[in-house]
Amino acid sequence: MKENQKLIELLEKYQAGTTSDEENAMLESWYNMEAIKRSAAIDDVQESLDRISNRLPLPRKISVWPRLAAAAAVLLLAVFYFFHTGSRVKHKHVLVHKTDSIRPGGNHAVLKLASGQQIVLNSQQPGIVVKGKQVLYKDGNEVTTANMGLQYMQLITPKGGQYQVTLPDGTQVWLNSATKLTYPDHFEGDTRQVELDGEAYFAVSKGTQPFIVKSRGQAVQVLGTEFNIMAYADESTIQTALVTGAVKVNETLLKPGFEAHFSPDGIQVVPSDIKVVTAWKNGLFYFKDASLQTVMNQLQRWYNIEVIYQSERKGDEFNGQIPRDKPLEKVLEILQLSGVNFKMNGRQLIVY
């Protein structure tokens, strides 16, 4: 027990970056001894690491002591640290108290009609359907619309909200947090056009009229397909990832499994990991080589918080999955295993 306690203290010092060369050598020696003792069970260890690394967003790039052979050693130490310190980890770095508990987002939105009427939508109505001059809840109850000509409405999700709408042509749209979708109560003319500010997943119904999504200088044109667009104003690029079918991003043709990054400098097409791109729609945070800022951007939209950086960390890359239905403090407890520290001040999350 005393040896385990000493090792735990060394691991805590390593996580804080305060170990000496001698202490680093002791940790390296411990690792080598453990590797020899457990060589017969190495397959079981690797299987456990694979299962855990799929859940924990451990950084791929993080400075380790000299001469320690591989990232597997860091993972082994991190796993040991996680399972042998238990509740001590929960409170050492994440200063979040129960009174400050911040719940995850949910089905929340506001529907703004052309008349100016605003209808608050919540989890009791998981989505709406637009049919001509009627706007229906998913349960079949009618909302209301004016019986006039072509009318435009807006579906707005706040930070901490998400929602789903079926458009007049049968196209289904899932809206992520802090998103605004502008669309007509019916489509007429040669095109089916909507405008997006934020992030949404589209399952476009087939039709003879091209379906066009406009976002800050970008136009995505399709006939029938599924794709995800992230067009937040605070992101450096608009990212369009194609799941099935084909789309044209401005004049660039996109194939399934690829995504287009649009910026004032032009369009860059890169391979896409669809599981990562669409994870939000499936109730997950999914980080793959994600920077700290990318992780924090997702948290502040979903939990309706403000992130303040007291120091900048460069080079960290986070990998793993976390369910989006977890309270914020539970997510932070996992993230802090990477050595990032947090403090809550109301709805401000301070990263230091």
Protein backbone atom coordinates (compact mmCIF):
# COMPACT_ATOMS: atom_id res chain seq x y z
CA MET A 1 0.00 0.00 0.00
CA LYS A 2 2.84 2.37 0.83
CA GLU A 3 4.47 1.69 -2.53
CA ASN A 4 1.17 2.31 -4.32
CA GLN A 5 0.67 5.56 -2.41
CA LYS A 6 4.16 6.73 -3.34
CA LEU A 7 3.51 5.87 -6.98
CA ILE A 8 0.22 7.74 -6.93
CA GLU A 9 1.97 10.82 -5.51
CA LEU A 10 4.60 10.60 -8.25
CA LEU A 11 1.91 10.31 -10.91
CA GLU A 12 0.15 13.36 -9.48
CA LYS A 13 3.42 15.29 -9.63
CA TYR A 14 3.99 14.12 -13.19
CA GLN A 15 0.52 15.27 -14.18
CA ALA A 16 1.29 18.67 -12.67
CA GLY A 17 4.64 18.75 -14.51
CA THR A 18 6.74 19.05 -11.34
CA THR A 19 8.66 15.75 -11.33
CA SER A 20 12.45 15.84 -11.22
CA ASP A 21 14.76 13.82 -13.48
CA GLU A 22 15.28 11.35 -10.64
CA GLU A 23 11.53 10.92 -10.16
CA ASN A 24 11.05 10.50 -13.91
CA ALA A 25 13.65 7.76 -13.82
CA MET A 26 11.79 6.07 -10.95
CA LEU A 27 8.55 6.13 -12.95
CA GLU A 28 10.33 4.75 -15.98
CA SER A 29 11.84 1.99 -13.86
CA TRP A 30 8.42 1.15 -12.43
CA TYR A 31 6.96 0.97 -15.91
CA ASN A 32 9.72 -1.35 -17.14
CA MET A 33 9.27 -3.65 -14.15
CA GLU A 34 5.50 -3.75 -14.63
CA ALA A 35 5.97 -4.50 -18.33
CA ILE A 36 8.14 -7.51 -17.50
CA LYS A 37 5.80 -8.81 -14.80
CA ARG A 38 2.76 -8.43 -17.02
CA SER A 39 4.25 -9.58 -20.32
CA ALA A 40 2.16 -12.75 -20.17
CA ALA A 41 -1.02 -10.66 -19.97
CA ILE A 42 -0.08 -7.96 -22.48
CA ASP A 43 -2.99 -8.79 -24.79
CA ASP A 44 -5.50 -8.30 -21.97
CA VAL A 45 -3.87 -4.98 -21.06
CA GLN A 46 -4.01 -3.76 -24.64
CA GLU A 47 -7.66 -4.74 -24.94
CA SER A 48 -8.45 -2.79 -21.78
CA LEU A 49 -6.54 0.22 -23.06
CA ASP A 50 -8.43 0.12 -26.35
CA ARG A 51 -11.78 0.04 -24.55
CA ILE A 52 -10.81 2.89 -22.23
CA SER A 53 -9.17 5.07 -24.87
CA ASN A 54 -12.40 4.92 -26.87
CA ARG A 55 -14.16 6.56 -23.91
CA LEU A 56 -11.51 8.91 -22.55
CA PRO A 57 -10.32 11.86 -24.67
CA LEU A 58 -6.63 11.43 -23.84
CA PRO A 59 -4.29 13.79 -25.70
CA ARG A 60 -2.08 12.18 -28.29
CA LYS A 61 0.58 14.85 -28.09
CA ILE A 62 1.77 15.66 -24.62
CA SER A 63 5.33 16.06 -23.33
CA VAL A 64 6.59 12.99 -21.45
CA TRP A 65 9.82 12.33 -19.57
CA PRO A 66 12.93 11.56 -21.64
CA ARG A 67 13.61 8.00 -22.68
CA LEU A 68 10.10 6.70 -21.94
CA ALA A 69 9.54 4.50 -24.91
CA ALA A 70 6.04 5.00 -26.32
CA ALA A 71 2.62 6.53 -25.97
CA ALA A 72 1.46 3.16 -24.63
CA ALA A 73 3.44 3.87 -21.47
CA VAL A 74 1.61 7.14 -20.99
CA LEU A 75 -1.71 5.39 -21.51
CA LEU A 76 -0.78 2.67 -19.02
CA LEU A 77 0.14 5.27 -16.41
CA ALA A 78 -3.02 7.25 -17.10
CA VAL A 79 -5.19 4.16 -16.76
CA PHE A 80 -3.44 3.20 -13.52
CA TYR A 81 -3.92 6.75 -12.25
CA PHE A 82 -7.61 6.75 -13.14
CA PHE A 83 -8.45 3.46 -11.47
CA HIS A 84 -6.24 3.79 -8.37
CA THR A 85 -7.06 7.34 -7.30
CA GLY A 86 -10.83 7.14 -7.75
CA SER A 87 -12.69 10.03 -6.15
CA ARG A 88 -9.49 11.95 -5.42
CA VAL A 89 -9.23 12.77 -9.11
CA LYS A 90 -12.72 14.15 -9.15
CA HIS A 91 -12.01 17.03 -6.84
CA LYS A 92 -8.32 17.76 -7.18
CA HIS A 93 -8.44 19.85 -10.35
CA VAL A 94 -12.07 20.33 -11.30
CA LEU A 95 -13.44 22.93 -8.95
CA VAL A 96 -17.11 22.31 -9.68
CA HIS A 97 -19.52 22.04 -6.76
CA LYS A 98 -22.96 20.49 -6.81
CA THR A 99 -24.53 23.91 -6.44
CA ASP A 100 -22.83 24.86 -9.72
CA SER A 101 -24.08 21.77 -11.56
CA ILE A 102 -24.67 22.62 -15.21
CA ARG A 103 -26.98 20.24 -16.99
CA PRO A 104 -26.53 19.22 -20.63
CA GLY A 105 -28.61 20.73 -23.39
CA GLY A 106 -31.79 19.24 -24.82
CA ASN A 107 -34.66 19.78 -27.24
CA HIS A 108 -35.17 23.54 -27.04
CA ALA A 109 -35.92 26.00 -29.84
CA VAL A 110 -37.96 29.02 -30.84
CA LEU A 111 -40.05 29.10 -34.01
CA LYS A 112 -40.42 32.62 -35.41
CA LEU A 113 -43.26 33.04 -37.91
CA ALA A 114 -43.45 35.70 -40.61
CA SER A 115 -46.18 37.44 -38.61
CA GLY A 116 -43.73 38.01 -35.78
CA GLN A 117 -45.32 35.38 -33.57
CA GLN A 118 -42.81 33.31 -31.60
CA ILE A 119 -43.54 29.77 -30.44
CA VAL A 120 -41.36 28.23 -27.74
CA LEU A 121 -40.57 24.57 -28.41
CA ASN A 122 -39.17 22.13 -25.87
CA SER A 123 -38.59 18.46 -25.12
CA GLN A 124 -42.34 17.79 -25.00
CA GLN A 125 -42.35 18.36 -28.76
CA PRO A 126 -39.21 16.65 -30.12
CA GLY A 127 -39.74 18.15 -33.56
CA ILE A 128 -42.10 19.90 -35.96
CA VAL A 129 -43.42 19.26 -39.45
CA VAL A 130 -44.18 22.02 -41.97
CA LYS A 131 -47.04 21.18 -44.35
CA GLY A 132 -48.11 24.03 -46.56
CA LYS A 133 -49.83 26.55 -44.31
CA GLN A 134 -49.72 24.29 -41.28
CA VAL A 135 -46.93 23.79 -38.77
CA LEU A 136 -47.48 20.61 -36.79
CA TYR A 137 -45.83 19.20 -33.72
CA LYS A 138 -44.57 15.65 -34.13
CA ASP A 139 -47.56 14.50 -32.07
CA GLY A 140 -49.94 15.93 -34.69
CA ASN A 141 -51.12 19.05 -32.83
CA GLU A 142 -51.30 22.16 -34.99
CA VAL A 143 -49.33 25.33 -34.19
CA THR A 144 -50.61 28.11 -36.48
CA THR A 145 -49.69 30.05 -39.62
CA ALA A 146 -51.18 32.90 -41.57
CA ASN A 147 -53.02 32.00 -44.77
CA MET A 148 -51.06 34.34 -47.01
CA GLY A 149 -48.51 34.03 -49.83
CA LEU A 150 -45.01 32.63 -49.47
CA GLN A 151 -43.96 33.12 -45.86
CA TYR A 152 -40.52 32.65 -44.33
CA MET A 153 -39.99 31.37 -40.81
CA GLN A 154 -36.97 30.77 -38.64
CA LEU A 155 -36.22 27.87 -36.33
CA ILE A 156 -33.65 28.98 -33.74
CA THR A 157 -31.88 26.77 -31.22
CA PRO A 158 -30.11 28.54 -28.35
CA LYS A 159 -26.88 27.46 -26.72
CA GLY A 160 -27.79 24.26 -24.93
CA GLY A 161 -30.53 23.45 -27.43
CA GLN A 162 -31.13 21.18 -30.42
CA TYR A 163 -34.18 20.45 -32.55
CA GLN A 164 -35.52 18.68 -35.62
CA VAL A 165 -37.81 19.93 -38.38
CA THR A 166 -39.38 18.31 -41.44
CA LEU A 167 -39.64 20.84 -44.28
CA PRO A 168 -42.59 21.07 -46.72
CA ASP A 169 -40.85 18.81 -49.28
CA GLY A 170 -40.16 16.09 -46.71
CA THR A 171 -36.53 17.05 -46.11
CA GLN A 172 -35.49 16.40 -42.52
CA VAL A 173 -33.13 18.78 -40.74
CA TRP A 174 -31.50 18.31 -37.34
CA LEU A 175 -30.23 21.56 -35.77
CA ASN A 176 -27.31 21.60 -33.33
CA SER A 177 -26.90 24.21 -30.58
CA ALA A 178 -26.77 27.94 -31.37
CA THR A 179 -28.18 27.47 -34.87
CA LYS A 180 -30.67 29.34 -37.03
CA LEU A 181 -32.46 27.86 -40.05
CA THR A 182 -34.52 30.14 -42.31
CA TYR A 183 -36.98 28.39 -44.66
CA PRO A 184 -40.34 29.01 -46.43
CA ASP A 185 -43.67 27.51 -45.48
CA HIS A 186 -43.74 25.99 -48.98
CA PHE A 187 -41.33 25.75 -51.89
CA GLU A 188 -42.12 27.32 -55.23
CA GLY A 189 -40.14 28.19 -58.35
CA ASP A 190 -37.10 26.38 -59.70
CA THR A 191 -35.27 25.75 -56.42
CA ARG A 192 -35.77 24.73 -52.80
CA GLN A 193 -33.64 27.18 -50.83
CA VAL A 194 -32.93 27.59 -47.11
CA GLU A 195 -30.35 29.54 -45.12
CA LEU A 196 -28.23 28.19 -42.28
CA ASP A 197 -26.24 29.89 -39.53
CA GLY A 198 -24.72 27.29 -37.19
CA GLU A 199 -24.67 23.52 -37.64
CA ALA A 200 -27.26 21.16 -39.07
CA TYR A 201 -27.60 17.71 -40.56
CA PHE A 202 -29.73 17.46 -43.71
CA ALA A 203 -31.52 14.41 -45.11
CA VAL A 204 -32.80 15.93 -48.34
CA SER A 205 -35.78 14.33 -50.05
CA LYS A 206 -35.41 13.67 -53.74
CA GLY A 207 -37.10 16.08 -56.12
CA THR A 208 -36.74 17.77 -59.48
CA GLN A 209 -35.94 21.12 -57.86
CA PRO A 210 -32.36 21.50 -56.62
CA PHE A 211 -32.14 21.92 -52.84
CA ILE A 212 -29.80 24.78 -51.87
CA VAL A 213 -28.38 25.62 -48.45
CA LYS A 214 -26.79 29.08 -48.19
CA SER A 215 -24.31 29.93 -45.41
CA ARG A 216 -22.18 33.10 -45.31
CA GLY A 217 -21.01 33.10 -48.93
CA GLN A 218 -21.26 29.35 -49.43
CA ALA A 219 -24.02 27.58 -51.38
CA VAL A 220 -24.49 23.80 -51.17
CA GLN A 221 -26.65 22.40 -53.99
CA VAL A 222 -28.15 18.89 -54.05
CA LEU A 223 -31.08 16.91 -55.42
CA GLY A 224 -31.36 14.24 -52.72
CA THR A 225 -28.68 13.26 -50.23
CA GLU A 226 -27.47 13.45 -46.61
CA PHE A 227 -24.80 15.84 -45.36
CA ASN A 228 -23.67 17.90 -42.39
CA ILE A 229 -22.84 21.61 -42.48
CA MET A 230 -21.02 23.43 -39.69
CA ALA A 231 -21.21 27.16 -40.36
CA TYR A 232 -20.72 28.85 -36.99
CA ALA A 233 -19.56 32.45 -37.17
CA ASP A 234 -16.81 31.83 -34.61
CA GLU A 235 -15.21 29.04 -36.66
CA SER A 236 -12.53 29.84 -39.23
CA THR A 237 -14.12 27.71 -41.97
CA ILE A 238 -17.51 26.39 -43.04
CA GLN A 239 -17.27 22.60 -43.09
CA THR A 240 -19.58 20.53 -45.27
CA ALA A 241 -19.29 16.74 -44.91
CA LEU A 242 -21.08 14.44 -47.35
CA VAL A 243 -22.60 11.20 -46.04
CA THR A 244 -24.43 9.89 -49.11
CA GLY A 245 -25.18 11.08 -52.64
CA ALA A 246 -23.39 14.07 -54.13
CA VAL A 247 -23.35 17.79 -53.45
CA LYS A 248 -21.81 20.80 -55.09
CA VAL A 249 -20.20 23.29 -52.69
CA ASN A 250 -20.21 26.47 -54.74
CA GLU A 251 -18.62 24.98 -57.87
CA THR A 252 -16.73 22.13 -56.16
CA LEU A 253 -18.21 18.64 -56.47
CA LEU A 254 -18.04 16.62 -53.24
CA LYS A 255 -18.09 12.83 -52.96
CA PRO A 256 -19.23 10.74 -49.95
CA GLY A 257 -16.59 10.43 -47.26
CA PHE A 258 -15.10 13.85 -47.99
CA GLU A 259 -15.70 17.31 -46.61
CA ALA A 260 -15.19 20.80 -48.00
CA HIS A 261 -13.64 23.56 -45.87
CA PHE A 262 -14.78 26.94 -47.20
CA SER A 263 -13.06 30.20 -46.25
CA PRO A 264 -12.35 33.55 -47.93
CA ASP A 265 -9.18 31.91 -49.30
CA GLY A 266 -11.16 29.27 -51.19
CA ILE A 267 -12.29 25.67 -50.74
CA GLN A 268 -10.18 22.76 -49.55
CA VAL A 269 -11.47 19.18 -49.89
CA VAL A 270 -10.21 16.65 -47.33
CA PRO A 271 -11.19 13.11 -46.23
CA SER A 272 -13.91 13.08 -43.57
CA ASP A 273 -14.60 10.83 -40.60
CA ILE A 274 -18.39 10.78 -40.76
CA LYS A 275 -18.69 9.21 -37.30
CA VAL A 276 -16.93 12.24 -35.82
CA VAL A 277 -18.81 14.81 -37.89
CA THR A 278 -22.27 13.42 -37.11
CA ALA A 279 -21.59 12.39 -33.49
CA TRP A 280 -23.53 15.39 -32.12
CA LYS A 281 -26.68 14.18 -33.91
CA ASN A 282 -26.22 10.77 -32.26
CA GLY A 283 -25.79 12.18 -28.74
CA LEU A 284 -22.00 12.14 -28.49
CA PHE A 285 -18.98 14.36 -28.24
CA TYR A 286 -16.48 12.59 -30.49
CA PHE A 287 -12.97 13.99 -30.49
CA LYS A 288 -10.36 12.83 -32.99
CA ASP A 289 -7.06 14.72 -32.92
CA ALA A 290 -9.11 17.67 -31.66
CA SER A 291 -7.44 20.79 -30.28
CA LEU A 292 -8.30 22.19 -26.86
CA GLN A 293 -10.15 25.08 -28.52
CA THR A 294 -12.23 22.68 -30.63
CA VAL A 295 -13.22 20.78 -27.50
CA MET A 296 -14.08 23.97 -25.59
CA ASN A 297 -16.11 25.38 -28.52
CA GLN A 298 -18.35 22.32 -28.43
CA LEU A 299 -18.75 22.48 -24.66
CA GLN A 300 -19.68 26.15 -24.56
CA ARG A 301 -22.39 25.71 -27.20
CA TRP A 302 -23.94 22.62 -25.65
CA TYR A 303 -23.79 23.72 -22.00
CA ASN A 304 -24.44 27.43 -22.65
CA ILE A 305 -21.26 28.57 -20.90
CA GLU A 306 -18.50 31.08 -21.56
CA VAL A 307 -14.95 29.74 -21.80
CA ILE A 308 -12.10 31.93 -20.58
CA TYR A 309 -8.47 30.94 -21.18
CA GLN A 310 -5.99 31.99 -18.52
CA SER A 311 -3.19 30.24 -20.36
CA GLU A 312 -2.82 28.80 -23.84
CA ARG A 313 -1.85 25.20 -24.43
CA LYS A 314 -0.51 24.35 -27.86
CA GLY A 315 -0.14 20.93 -29.43
CA ASP A 316 -2.61 18.90 -27.37
CA GLU A 317 -4.78 16.55 -29.40
CA PHE A 318 -7.78 14.91 -27.75
CA ASN A 319 -9.29 11.58 -28.76
CA GLY A 320 -12.34 9.75 -27.44
CA GLN A 321 -16.10 9.78 -26.98
CA ILE A 322 -18.24 11.29 -24.21
CA PRO A 323 -22.06 11.10 -24.10
CA ARG A 324 -23.66 14.54 -24.45
CA ASP A 325 -26.21 13.77 -21.74
CA LYS A 326 -23.57 14.08 -18.98
CA PRO A 327 -23.53 17.10 -16.63
CA LEU A 328 -20.68 19.47 -17.40
CA GLU A 329 -18.67 18.57 -14.30
CA LYS A 330 -18.62 14.90 -15.33
CA VAL A 331 -17.18 15.83 -18.72
CA LEU A 332 -14.57 18.03 -17.08
CA GLU A 333 -13.58 15.21 -14.73
CA ILE A 334 -12.67 13.15 -17.79
CA LEU A 335 -10.91 15.95 -19.63
CA GLN A 336 -8.79 16.91 -16.64
CA LEU A 337 -7.04 13.53 -16.82
CA SER A 338 -5.07 15.05 -19.71
CA GLY A 339 -3.58 17.67 -17.40
CA VAL A 340 -5.88 20.58 -18.32
CA ASN A 341 -7.27 22.33 -15.24
CA PHE A 342 -10.66 24.02 -14.90
CA LYS A 343 -12.50 26.29 -12.51
CA MET A 344 -16.16 27.31 -12.62
CA ASN A 345 -17.35 30.83 -11.86
CA GLY A 346 -21.10 30.86 -12.40
CA ARG A 347 -21.46 29.98 -16.09
CA GLN A 348 -17.88 30.89 -16.84
CA LEU A 349 -15.45 28.02 -17.35
CA ILE A 350 -11.88 29.11 -16.69
CA VAL A 351 -9.16 27.01 -18.35
CA TYR A 352 -5.75 27.25 -16.69
